Amino acid sequence: MTPPRRPRPAGGSLRAFRHRKYLAFWSAALISNIGAWLSNLTVPFVIFQITESALLTGFATVAQFLPSFVLGPVAGWLADRYDRRKVLLFTQSGMAVTAIALWLLWSNGFHNIWALLALVGLQGIVQGLNMPAWQSFVHDLVPRSDLASAVALNSLQFNAARSIGPMIAGAIITVLGPAGSFGLNAVSYVAVLTVLFIIRADSSEERGQPTGNFLTAARYLLTQPGLVLSVVVAILVSSLINPVMQFTVVFAGSVFHVGAWPLGLMNGAVGIGALLVVPCVAGSAGFSRADIVRLGLLLMGIGMVGFAVSPNWIVASGALIILGAGFLASISATNTAIQLIVAEPFRGRVMAIRIMFYTLAYPVGALVMGAISDRVGPRPVVLGAAVIMLLAWALMAFRGRTYSLNHLDDPYDDSFDGPSAHSPVESR
């Protein structure tokens, strides 16, 4: 049985912006993530230009995201045990240092891909410690009544950066070369570090101490069907969709035979598609999270089919708009489900588990798809991924009660709340 649509909350999809701390953090994160996407596009671009290998290009993804899986237990514990703002100050500072090192390496003419991958891997280590605290920090800046809006807007700024960053990167690579792109990424960290120095949020003392260890959190997650489904969808999207979005580099170079500017526009199309579904995922349209994920999985499958058979980069960009809409719908709705269902003592570690599997699935999918692409070409690989996605959509959309996507709309688990449980105030 499909749950009834929820009434539209007062304030609409932008209501989290009423909280000044959240708005400041959101704005700084947008600037920082635009810079990150300059680097995220430039790294695979230069590796493919040097090697012409989709497999070696996929190694950049492994170096960047595999550390998040390995460090997940530590990162989740940090996010639950310590002041998340201080954790973010440490990790964002480390990421800024590695970004500066990447700029110095390339601008001084040292264009060795293994040195490049080593720096990307070092940044991935720091990013692995960063992500659970980053995503959990949103909960410390707004009351629970505005959390769905905050999570959706957080996904919006990430995908707005995905839209703007690659387009800027395409222009910068064309005019200034990769060094200019790497340099601007390093500068972009100033915004988020400045805001983190200024704002204050709920501390670990106000949240209470975490319950048990990392395995305790993992066992707890398995008792909550909504949390399990959120992780399963994240794995599916990360293993199939994220590598396809990286395949824009391969398609630009070996299929469409275009340069950096069309490549930037193709990547920007993903972000444009994400912008189109913001009212849906932010709660203003009244759709359930289960309905949003059903639609998102279907749109991603359709978008991948269109991308695989596109005759040129312009048509491919249209398909990527559809894919981007499905991507934001699925990822934002499942992320919101976790934030709204999970008991507070497990928040950081459950977010870490989701991030661990999401980040592990990405490089595994990228390596597998890259290796197959080097043998049979990129079009069959993307088309095959589309078929798997559509089959998964059919299975998850029409499955029985136990594994129904309707569990994504389960209520908050308050069974661990006590007198000192965290309850964000309504005014910041």
Protein backbone atom coordinates (compact mmCIF):
# COMPACT_ATOMS: atom_id res chain seq x y z
CA MET A 1 0.00 0.00 0.00
CA THR A 2 1.40 3.36 -1.02
CA PRO A 3 1.56 5.84 1.85
CA PRO A 4 -0.48 9.04 1.46
CA ARG A 5 1.29 12.14 0.25
CA ARG A 6 2.44 14.40 3.02
CA PRO A 7 1.10 17.95 3.22
CA ARG A 8 3.41 20.63 1.95
CA PRO A 9 5.40 22.08 4.84
CA ALA A 10 5.26 25.80 5.49
CA GLY A 11 8.06 27.74 3.86
CA GLY A 12 8.40 25.51 0.81
CA SER A 13 11.55 23.81 -0.44
CA LEU A 14 13.81 26.75 0.58
CA ARG A 15 12.69 26.90 4.21
CA ALA A 16 16.06 25.70 5.57
CA PHE A 17 17.53 29.00 4.33
CA ARG A 18 15.68 30.73 7.17
CA HIS A 19 18.54 29.58 9.41
CA ARG A 20 21.52 31.88 8.92
CA LYS A 21 24.16 29.36 9.96
CA TYR A 22 22.85 26.85 7.46
CA LEU A 23 22.67 29.47 4.69
CA ALA A 24 26.27 30.55 5.35
CA PHE A 25 27.52 26.96 5.34
CA TRP A 26 25.50 26.14 2.21
CA SER A 27 26.91 29.14 0.32
CA ALA A 28 30.49 28.36 1.28
CA ALA A 29 30.02 24.69 0.39
CA LEU A 30 28.74 25.71 -3.05
CA ILE A 31 31.89 27.71 -3.74
CA SER A 32 34.14 24.93 -2.42
CA ASN A 33 32.35 22.23 -4.41
CA ILE A 34 32.55 24.26 -7.61
CA GLY A 35 36.31 24.30 -7.07
CA ALA A 36 36.31 20.57 -6.33
CA TRP A 37 34.52 19.87 -9.61
CA LEU A 38 37.16 21.86 -11.46
CA SER A 39 39.68 19.34 -10.17
CA ASN A 40 37.33 16.34 -10.51
CA LEU A 41 36.97 16.99 -14.25
CA THR A 42 40.56 18.08 -14.86
CA VAL A 43 42.21 15.01 -13.28
CA PRO A 44 40.52 12.38 -15.51
CA PHE A 45 40.82 14.74 -18.49
CA VAL A 46 44.61 15.01 -18.24
CA ILE A 47 45.02 11.30 -17.46
CA PHE A 48 42.99 10.32 -20.52
CA GLN A 49 44.91 12.83 -22.65
CA ILE A 50 48.19 11.26 -21.53
CA THR A 51 47.21 7.57 -21.59
CA GLU A 52 44.08 7.29 -23.81
CA SER A 53 42.97 4.49 -21.47
CA ALA A 54 39.54 4.36 -19.83
CA LEU A 55 40.93 1.85 -17.31
CA LEU A 56 43.74 4.14 -16.15
CA THR A 57 41.28 7.03 -16.04
CA GLY A 58 39.22 4.88 -13.68
CA PHE A 59 42.21 4.61 -11.34
CA ALA A 60 41.69 8.28 -10.49
CA THR A 61 38.28 7.32 -9.11
CA VAL A 62 39.83 4.47 -7.08
CA ALA A 63 42.45 6.79 -5.60
CA GLN A 64 39.86 9.40 -4.69
CA PHE A 65 37.08 7.26 -3.23
CA LEU A 66 38.52 3.95 -1.96
CA PRO A 67 39.99 5.58 1.18
CA SER A 68 36.45 6.58 2.22
CA PHE A 69 35.56 2.90 2.46
CA VAL A 70 38.67 1.93 4.38
CA LEU A 71 38.42 4.85 6.81
CA GLY A 72 34.64 4.69 7.27
CA PRO A 73 34.64 3.24 10.81
CA VAL A 74 37.11 5.87 12.04
CA ALA A 75 35.31 8.70 10.24
CA GLY A 76 31.92 7.66 11.63
CA TRP A 77 33.29 7.47 15.15
CA LEU A 78 34.81 10.96 14.80
CA ALA A 79 31.48 12.36 13.58
CA ASP A 80 29.61 10.87 16.58
CA ARG A 81 32.24 11.51 19.27
CA TYR A 82 33.69 14.97 18.53
CA ASP A 83 32.50 18.44 17.62
CA ARG A 84 31.71 18.05 13.91
CA ARG A 85 32.70 21.64 13.16
CA LYS A 86 36.20 21.03 14.52
CA VAL A 87 36.48 17.76 12.59
CA LEU A 88 35.54 19.64 9.41
CA LEU A 89 38.07 22.38 10.10
CA PHE A 90 40.80 19.75 10.30
CA THR A 91 39.73 17.77 7.22
CA GLN A 92 38.98 20.78 5.02
CA SER A 93 42.37 22.24 5.88
CA GLY A 94 44.03 18.98 4.86
CA MET A 95 42.12 18.89 1.58
CA ALA A 96 43.18 22.48 0.89
CA VAL A 97 46.84 21.54 1.39
CA THR A 98 46.59 18.62 -1.05
CA ALA A 99 44.83 20.89 -3.59
CA ILE A 100 47.71 23.37 -3.36
CA ALA A 101 50.20 20.53 -3.82
CA LEU A 102 48.33 19.32 -6.92
CA TRP A 103 48.47 22.83 -8.40
CA LEU A 104 52.21 23.17 -7.64
CA LEU A 105 52.92 19.74 -9.16
CA TRP A 106 51.20 20.47 -12.46
CA SER A 107 52.17 24.13 -12.81
CA ASN A 108 55.84 23.20 -12.42
CA GLY A 109 55.65 20.78 -15.33
CA PHE A 110 55.73 17.50 -13.41
CA HIS A 111 53.06 15.64 -15.39
CA ASN A 112 53.55 12.11 -14.08
CA ILE A 113 50.19 10.33 -13.72
CA TRP A 114 51.38 8.23 -10.78
CA ALA A 115 52.39 11.32 -8.83
CA LEU A 116 49.06 12.82 -9.78
CA LEU A 117 47.21 9.72 -8.56
CA ALA A 118 49.22 9.73 -5.32
CA LEU A 119 48.07 13.25 -4.51
CA VAL A 120 44.50 12.41 -5.45
CA GLY A 121 44.75 9.40 -3.14
CA LEU A 122 46.08 11.55 -0.29
CA GLN A 123 43.16 13.92 -0.75
CA GLY A 124 40.86 10.91 -0.80
CA ILE A 125 42.18 9.85 2.61
CA VAL A 126 41.36 13.23 4.12
CA GLN A 127 38.02 13.31 2.31
CA GLY A 128 37.23 9.88 3.74
CA LEU A 129 37.55 11.32 7.24
CA ASN A 130 35.53 14.37 6.19
CA MET A 131 32.33 12.96 4.67
CA PRO A 132 30.38 11.52 7.66
CA ALA A 133 30.96 14.70 9.66
CA TRP A 134 30.07 16.85 6.63
CA GLN A 135 26.73 15.14 6.01
CA SER A 136 25.87 14.85 9.71
CA PHE A 137 26.73 18.53 10.28
CA VAL A 138 23.62 19.55 8.34
CA HIS A 139 21.54 18.06 11.16
CA ASP A 140 23.33 20.32 13.66
CA LEU A 141 22.33 23.52 11.81
CA VAL A 142 18.55 23.17 11.40
CA PRO A 143 15.62 21.76 13.42
CA ARG A 144 14.19 18.38 12.47
CA SER A 145 11.14 20.03 10.89
CA ASP A 146 13.41 21.63 8.28
CA LEU A 147 15.81 18.70 7.83
CA ALA A 148 14.26 17.38 4.60
CA SER A 149 14.66 20.83 3.06
CA ALA A 150 18.25 21.12 4.37
CA VAL A 151 19.30 17.72 3.01
CA ALA A 152 17.69 18.40 -0.37
CA LEU A 153 19.28 21.86 -0.59
CA ASN A 154 22.62 20.30 0.35
CA SER A 155 22.21 17.94 -2.60
CA LEU A 156 21.16 20.92 -4.71
CA GLN A 157 24.34 22.86 -4.01
CA PHE A 158 26.44 19.78 -4.76
CA ASN A 159 24.69 19.31 -8.09
CA ALA A 160 24.68 23.03 -8.85
CA ALA A 161 28.44 22.82 -8.39
CA ARG A 162 28.41 19.74 -10.65
CA SER A 163 26.67 21.89 -13.26
CA ILE A 164 28.74 25.05 -12.92
CA GLY A 165 32.15 23.55 -12.10
CA PRO A 166 32.65 21.38 -15.21
CA MET A 167 31.49 24.16 -17.52
CA ILE A 168 33.95 26.54 -15.89
CA ALA A 169 36.61 23.82 -16.02
CA GLY A 170 36.09 23.36 -19.75
CA ALA A 171 36.67 27.06 -20.34
CA ILE A 172 39.62 27.28 -17.94
CA ILE A 173 41.37 24.22 -19.41
CA THR A 174 40.95 25.72 -22.88
CA VAL A 175 42.28 29.17 -21.88
CA LEU A 176 44.62 28.61 -18.93
CA GLY A 177 45.32 24.89 -19.07
CA PRO A 178 44.93 22.35 -16.25
CA ALA A 179 47.11 24.39 -13.88
CA GLY A 180 44.53 27.17 -13.82
CA SER A 181 41.80 24.70 -12.90
CA PHE A 182 43.87 23.14 -10.12
CA GLY A 183 44.78 26.60 -8.77
CA LEU A 184 41.19 27.81 -8.54
CA ASN A 185 40.23 24.64 -6.69
CA ALA A 186 42.88 25.41 -4.06
CA VAL A 187 41.56 28.97 -3.65
CA SER A 188 37.96 27.77 -3.26
CA TYR A 189 38.70 26.24 0.16
CA VAL A 190 39.02 29.74 1.64
CA ALA A 191 35.21 30.15 1.68
CA VAL A 192 34.29 27.01 3.61
CA LEU A 193 37.19 27.35 6.06
CA THR A 194 36.19 30.94 6.82
CA VAL A 195 32.59 29.96 7.55
CA LEU A 196 33.61 27.01 9.71
CA PHE A 197 35.81 29.32 11.79
CA ILE A 198 32.90 31.71 12.36
CA ILE A 199 29.75 29.63 12.91
CA ARG A 200 28.90 27.50 15.93
CA ALA A 201 26.61 24.46 16.02
CA ASP A 202 25.57 21.79 18.50
CA SER A 203 28.59 20.15 20.12
CA SER A 204 29.13 16.49 20.91
CA GLU A 205 28.23 17.17 24.55
CA GLU A 206 24.80 18.47 23.50
CA ARG A 207 24.24 15.42 21.29
CA GLY A 208 25.17 12.92 23.99
CA GLN A 209 27.70 10.11 23.70
CA PRO A 210 27.50 7.51 20.90
CA THR A 211 26.02 4.12 21.70
CA GLY A 212 28.34 1.10 21.31
CA ASN A 213 31.03 0.69 18.65
CA PHE A 214 30.98 0.62 14.86
CA LEU A 215 29.70 -2.97 14.72
CA THR A 216 26.88 -1.96 17.06
CA ALA A 217 25.87 0.71 14.55
CA ALA A 218 26.04 -1.80 11.70
CA ARG A 219 23.79 -4.24 13.56
CA TYR A 220 21.42 -1.39 14.36
CA LEU A 221 21.23 -0.41 10.67
CA LEU A 222 20.18 -3.97 9.74
CA THR A 223 17.17 -3.69 12.05
CA GLN A 224 15.82 -0.70 10.09
CA PRO A 225 14.49 -1.62 6.59
CA GLY A 226 14.43 2.03 5.53
CA LEU A 227 18.13 2.41 6.31
CA VAL A 228 18.99 -0.85 4.51
CA LEU A 229 17.10 0.22 1.39
CA SER A 230 18.83 3.61 1.45
CA VAL A 231 22.23 1.91 1.42
CA VAL A 232 21.20 -0.55 -1.32
CA VAL A 233 20.01 2.25 -3.60
CA ALA A 234 23.21 4.21 -2.91
CA ILE A 235 25.31 1.19 -3.96
CA LEU A 236 23.27 0.74 -7.12
CA VAL A 237 23.55 4.39 -8.13
CA SER A 238 27.23 4.66 -7.29
CA SER A 239 28.31 1.50 -9.13
CA LEU A 240 26.35 2.24 -12.31
CA ILE A 241 25.68 5.98 -12.56
CA ASN A 242 28.84 7.61 -11.20
CA PRO A 243 31.12 5.71 -13.64
CA VAL A 244 28.78 6.62 -16.51
CA MET A 245 29.07 10.29 -15.60
CA GLN A 246 32.85 9.90 -15.63
CA PHE A 247 32.55 8.25 -19.05
CA THR A 248 31.82 11.69 -20.50
CA VAL A 249 35.62 12.03 -20.70
CA VAL A 250 35.87 8.81 -22.73
CA PHE A 251 32.92 9.70 -24.96
CA ALA A 252 34.29 13.20 -25.59
CA GLY A 253 37.73 11.90 -26.55
CA SER A 254 37.07 8.63 -28.40
CA VAL A 255 33.42 8.74 -29.54
CA PHE A 256 32.45 12.36 -30.24
CA HIS A 257 36.05 13.62 -30.78
CA VAL A 258 35.48 16.96 -29.07
CA GLY A 259 37.57 19.00 -26.65
CA ALA A 260 37.33 20.41 -23.15
CA TRP A 261 34.48 22.88 -23.72
CA PRO A 262 31.86 20.34 -24.97
CA LEU A 263 33.08 18.00 -22.23
CA GLY A 264 32.35 20.66 -19.63
CA LEU A 265 28.87 21.23 -21.07
CA MET A 266 28.08 17.50 -20.98
CA ASN A 267 29.04 17.32 -17.33
CA GLY A 268 27.12 20.51 -16.66
CA ALA A 269 24.01 18.91 -18.15
CA VAL A 270 23.97 16.45 -15.23
CA GLY A 271 23.74 19.34 -12.80
CA ILE A 272 21.05 21.07 -14.86
CA GLY A 273 18.90 17.94 -14.65
CA ALA A 274 19.43 17.92 -10.89
CA LEU A 275 18.15 21.47 -10.59
CA LEU A 276 14.90 20.54 -12.31
CA VAL A 277 13.83 18.11 -9.59
CA VAL A 278 14.70 20.24 -6.56
CA PRO A 279 11.05 21.13 -5.69
CA CYS A 280 10.22 17.42 -5.81
CA VAL A 281 13.02 16.26 -3.51
CA ALA A 282 12.92 19.24 -1.13
CA GLY A 283 9.40 18.40 -0.02
CA SER A 284 7.43 21.29 -1.51
CA ALA A 285 5.63 18.99 -4.00
CA GLY A 286 4.38 16.61 -1.29
CA PHE A 287 5.75 13.40 -2.84
CA SER A 288 6.81 10.52 -0.62
CA ARG A 289 10.49 9.55 -0.59
CA ALA A 290 9.55 6.14 -2.01
CA ASP A 291 7.81 7.76 -4.99
CA ILE A 292 10.80 10.02 -5.60
CA VAL A 293 13.23 7.08 -5.63
CA ARG A 294 10.99 5.05 -7.97
CA LEU A 295 10.96 7.94 -10.41
CA GLY A 296 14.68 8.56 -9.99
CA LEU A 297 15.71 4.97 -10.79
CA LEU A 298 13.56 5.00 -13.92
CA LEU A 299 14.92 8.34 -15.13
CA MET A 300 18.51 7.17 -14.67
CA GLY A 301 17.86 4.05 -16.75
CA ILE A 302 16.25 6.09 -19.53
CA GLY A 303 19.03 8.67 -19.41
CA MET A 304 21.74 6.02 -19.72
CA VAL A 305 20.05 4.47 -22.74
CA GLY A 306 19.88 7.88 -24.40
CA PHE A 307 23.51 8.62 -23.60
CA ALA A 308 24.69 5.25 -24.92
CA VAL A 309 23.03 5.68 -28.34
CA SER A 310 23.56 9.45 -28.78
CA PRO A 311 24.95 10.38 -32.22
CA ASN A 312 26.73 13.50 -30.92
CA TRP A 313 27.58 15.38 -27.75
CA ILE A 314 24.57 17.69 -27.99
CA VAL A 315 22.08 14.80 -27.93
CA ALA A 316 24.18 13.17 -25.21
CA SER A 317 23.83 16.32 -23.10
CA GLY A 318 20.04 16.03 -23.33
CA ALA A 319 20.21 12.44 -22.11
CA LEU A 320 22.50 13.50 -19.27
CA ILE A 321 19.92 16.05 -18.13
CA ILE A 322 17.47 13.18 -17.64
CA LEU A 323 20.16 11.13 -15.90
CA GLY A 324 21.04 14.05 -13.60
CA ALA A 325 17.40 14.50 -12.59
CA GLY A 326 17.14 10.82 -11.66
CA PHE A 327 20.47 10.93 -9.85
CA LEU A 328 19.53 13.81 -7.56
CA ALA A 329 16.06 12.40 -6.93
CA SER A 330 17.43 9.00 -5.83
CA ILE A 331 20.46 10.13 -3.86
CA SER A 332 18.78 13.05 -2.12
CA ALA A 333 15.66 11.07 -1.14
CA THR A 334 17.66 8.15 0.27
CA ASN A 335 20.02 10.50 2.10
CA THR A 336 17.01 12.30 3.56
CA ALA A 337 15.53 8.95 4.60
CA ILE A 338 18.66 8.08 6.57
CA GLN A 339 18.79 11.48 8.25
CA LEU A 340 15.12 11.32 9.25
CA ILE A 341 14.99 7.65 10.35
CA VAL A 342 18.29 7.03 12.17
CA ALA A 343 18.45 7.31 15.96
CA GLU A 344 20.72 10.18 17.01
CA PRO A 345 23.37 8.09 18.89
CA PHE A 346 24.14 6.23 15.63
CA ARG A 347 23.91 9.12 13.15
CA GLY A 348 27.59 9.63 12.27
CA ARG A 349 28.40 5.91 12.03
CA VAL A 350 25.31 5.04 9.99
CA MET A 351 26.17 7.90 7.61
CA ALA A 352 29.70 6.47 7.47
CA ILE A 353 28.37 3.01 6.51
CA ARG A 354 26.32 4.52 3.70
CA ILE A 355 29.35 6.54 2.52
CA MET A 356 31.63 3.50 2.76
CA PHE A 357 29.52 1.39 0.45
CA TYR A 358 28.73 4.32 -1.84
CA THR A 359 32.40 5.17 -2.27
CA LEU A 360 33.49 1.53 -2.65
CA ALA A 361 30.89 0.89 -5.35
CA TYR A 362 32.08 3.89 -7.37
CA PRO A 363 35.70 2.82 -8.02
CA VAL A 364 34.71 -0.84 -8.44
CA GLY A 365 32.13 0.15 -11.05
CA ALA A 366 34.58 2.55 -12.71
CA LEU A 367 37.33 -0.07 -12.98
CA VAL A 368 35.02 -2.80 -14.27
CA MET A 369 33.35 -0.54 -16.80
CA GLY A 370 36.67 1.00 -17.82
CA ALA A 371 38.29 -2.41 -18.39
CA ILE A 372 35.33 -3.64 -20.46
CA SER A 373 35.25 -0.36 -22.39
CA ASP A 374 38.89 -0.75 -23.42
CA ARG A 375 37.92 -4.09 -25.00
CA VAL A 376 34.46 -3.54 -26.51
CA GLY A 377 34.04 0.25 -26.56
CA PRO A 378 32.16 2.65 -24.29
CA ARG A 379 28.70 2.50 -25.92
CA PRO A 380 27.98 -1.20 -25.12
CA VAL A 381 29.23 -0.69 -21.57
CA VAL A 382 26.87 2.21 -20.87
CA LEU A 383 23.97 0.40 -22.53
CA GLY A 384 24.62 -2.68 -20.40
CA ALA A 385 24.65 -0.53 -17.25
CA ALA A 386 21.31 0.95 -18.35
CA VAL A 387 19.76 -2.51 -18.67
CA ILE A 388 20.93 -3.44 -15.16
CA MET A 389 19.52 -0.19 -13.77
CA LEU A 390 16.12 -0.71 -15.42
CA LEU A 391 15.96 -4.29 -14.14
CA ALA A 392 16.79 -3.09 -10.64
CA TRP A 393 14.11 -0.41 -10.91
CA ALA A 394 11.50 -3.00 -11.90
CA LEU A 395 12.54 -5.29 -9.04
CA MET A 396 12.59 -2.60 -6.35
CA ALA A 397 9.50 -0.74 -7.56
CA PHE A 398 7.23 -3.77 -7.53
CA ARG A 399 8.73 -5.90 -4.75
CA GLY A 400 6.57 -7.15 -1.89
CA ARG A 401 6.15 -5.62 1.53
CA THR A 402 9.43 -6.65 3.19
CA TYR A 403 11.71 -4.97 0.65
CA SER A 404 9.29 -2.28 -0.48
CA LEU A 405 10.69 1.17 -1.17
CA ASN A 406 7.85 2.40 1.04
CA HIS A 407 10.16 1.75 4.00
CA LEU A 408 12.05 4.87 2.95
CA ASP A 409 9.17 6.78 4.54
CA ASP A 410 9.54 5.06 7.92
CA PRO A 411 9.40 7.46 10.93
CA TYR A 412 12.27 8.62 13.12
CA ASP A 413 13.54 5.91 15.47
CA ASP A 414 13.12 7.53 18.89
CA SER A 415 13.70 4.34 20.87
CA PHE A 416 17.16 5.54 21.96
CA ASP A 417 16.08 9.05 22.93
CA GLY A 418 16.47 10.01 26.54
CA PRO A 419 16.46 13.15 28.66
CA SER A 420 19.75 14.32 27.09
CA ALA A 421 18.87 13.34 23.54
CA HIS A 422 19.67 15.88 20.91
CA SER A 423 16.73 17.98 19.82
CA PRO A 424 17.65 20.97 17.63
CA VAL A 425 15.98 24.18 18.63
CA GLU A 426 13.59 25.87 16.25
CA SER A 427 15.50 29.14 16.00
CA ARG A 428 19.16 29.54 15.22
